[in-house]
Amino acid sequence: MFIECRHILTNGRKCHSPALRGKPFCFHHAKLHFRKSATRRPGELPQPAIEDLRGIQTALNKAVTALSSPLIDTRRAGLLLYGLHLAANLSKRVSD
């Protein structure tokens, strides 16, 4: 018997990998959640996990919303949108 990872994927499903001993997440998602909480500064745009097309869509929505706020400058937003464009193209190729 093992404890499952508590991470919820962008499609609403739960990650079914075994959690690390004494931790709520698996190896992959423990790194993701630790990095998010350790590196984020106050007022910084939270970045969702880009695991599939739904994650890319969520990140795109947050980036476009951030453009209308003082959280992100247009140059940085442009780079973020370009990265999301690349991720979406790659995701389509992998899923075909």
Protein backbone atom coordinates (compact mmCIF):
# COMPACT_ATOMS: atom_id res chain seq x y z
CA MET A 1 0.00 0.00 0.00
CA PHE A 2 1.32 3.44 -0.90
CA ILE A 3 0.10 7.02 -0.73
CA GLU A 4 -0.68 8.64 -4.10
CA CYS A 5 0.57 12.03 -5.22
CA ARG A 6 -1.90 14.86 -4.40
CA HIS A 7 -1.19 16.87 -7.56
CA ILE A 8 -4.26 17.53 -9.73
CA LEU A 9 -3.52 17.64 -13.43
CA THR A 10 -5.00 20.34 -15.65
CA ASN A 11 -7.54 17.87 -17.04
CA GLY A 12 -8.95 17.46 -13.51
CA ARG A 13 -7.51 14.01 -12.95
CA LYS A 14 -5.30 13.09 -10.04
CA CYS A 15 -1.69 12.02 -10.53
CA HIS A 16 -1.58 8.35 -9.60
CA SER A 17 2.16 8.11 -8.99
CA PRO A 18 3.34 7.08 -5.53
CA ALA A 19 4.15 10.03 -3.26
CA LEU A 20 7.61 10.38 -1.77
CA ARG A 21 7.94 9.02 1.74
CA GLY A 22 6.56 11.60 4.16
CA LYS A 23 5.64 14.01 1.34
CA PRO A 24 2.31 14.78 -0.38
CA PHE A 25 3.70 14.66 -3.95
CA CYS A 26 5.58 12.27 -6.26
CA PHE A 27 9.16 12.99 -7.34
CA HIS A 28 8.14 15.02 -10.41
CA HIS A 29 5.43 17.10 -8.75
CA ALA A 30 7.40 17.65 -5.53
CA LYS A 31 10.01 19.50 -7.61
CA LEU A 32 7.28 21.49 -9.34
CA HIS A 33 5.51 22.57 -6.14
CA PHE A 34 8.75 23.30 -4.26
CA ARG A 35 10.06 25.43 -7.12
CA LYS A 36 6.81 27.42 -7.29
CA SER A 37 6.76 28.28 -3.60
CA ALA A 38 10.51 28.84 -3.20
CA THR A 39 11.10 31.13 -6.16
CA ARG A 40 7.93 33.20 -6.33
CA ARG A 41 8.18 36.76 -5.09
CA PRO A 42 5.26 38.88 -3.89
CA GLY A 43 3.32 40.27 -6.84
CA GLU A 44 4.83 37.76 -9.27
CA LEU A 45 2.60 36.01 -11.77
CA PRO A 46 1.95 32.39 -10.70
CA GLN A 47 2.79 29.96 -13.49
CA PRO A 48 0.63 26.84 -13.87
CA ALA A 49 2.11 23.49 -14.79
CA ILE A 50 2.35 23.04 -18.54
CA GLU A 51 1.64 19.33 -18.83
CA ASP A 52 -0.90 19.22 -21.67
CA LEU A 53 -2.99 21.47 -23.91
CA ARG A 54 -5.27 22.43 -21.00
CA GLY A 55 -2.26 23.56 -18.97
CA ILE A 56 -1.04 25.59 -21.92
CA GLN A 57 -4.50 27.15 -22.27
CA THR A 58 -4.54 28.02 -18.56
CA ALA A 59 -1.07 29.58 -18.79
CA LEU A 60 -2.11 31.52 -21.88
CA ASN A 61 -5.17 32.86 -20.08
CA LYS A 62 -3.05 33.98 -17.11
CA ALA A 63 -0.49 35.63 -19.40
CA VAL A 64 -3.13 37.58 -21.34
CA THR A 65 -4.81 38.64 -18.09
CA ALA A 66 -1.44 39.76 -16.69
CA LEU A 67 -0.93 42.02 -19.71
CA SER A 68 -3.70 44.26 -18.41
CA SER A 69 -2.11 44.49 -14.96
CA PRO A 70 1.23 45.87 -13.74
CA LEU A 71 2.49 42.32 -12.94
CA ILE A 72 4.32 41.83 -16.24
CA ASP A 73 5.92 44.08 -18.86
CA THR A 74 5.12 43.66 -22.55
CA ARG A 75 8.55 42.30 -23.50
CA ARG A 76 8.42 39.57 -20.87
CA ALA A 77 4.79 38.79 -21.79
CA GLY A 78 5.80 38.46 -25.43
CA LEU A 79 8.50 35.96 -24.53
CA LEU A 80 6.04 34.05 -22.37
CA LEU A 81 3.45 33.95 -25.16
CA TYR A 82 6.09 32.77 -27.64
CA GLY A 83 7.11 29.98 -25.26
CA LEU A 84 3.48 28.95 -24.87
CA HIS A 85 3.12 28.95 -28.66
CA LEU A 86 6.10 26.59 -28.93
CA ALA A 87 4.71 24.36 -26.17
CA ALA A 88 1.32 24.16 -27.91
CA ASN A 89 2.93 23.19 -31.22
CA LEU A 90 5.07 20.56 -29.53
CA SER A 91 2.10 19.20 -27.62
CA LYS A 92 0.10 18.81 -30.85
CA ARG A 93 2.97 16.90 -32.46
CA VAL A 94 3.37 14.58 -29.48
CA SER A 95 -0.38 13.83 -29.27
CA ASP A 96 -0.66 12.95 -33.01
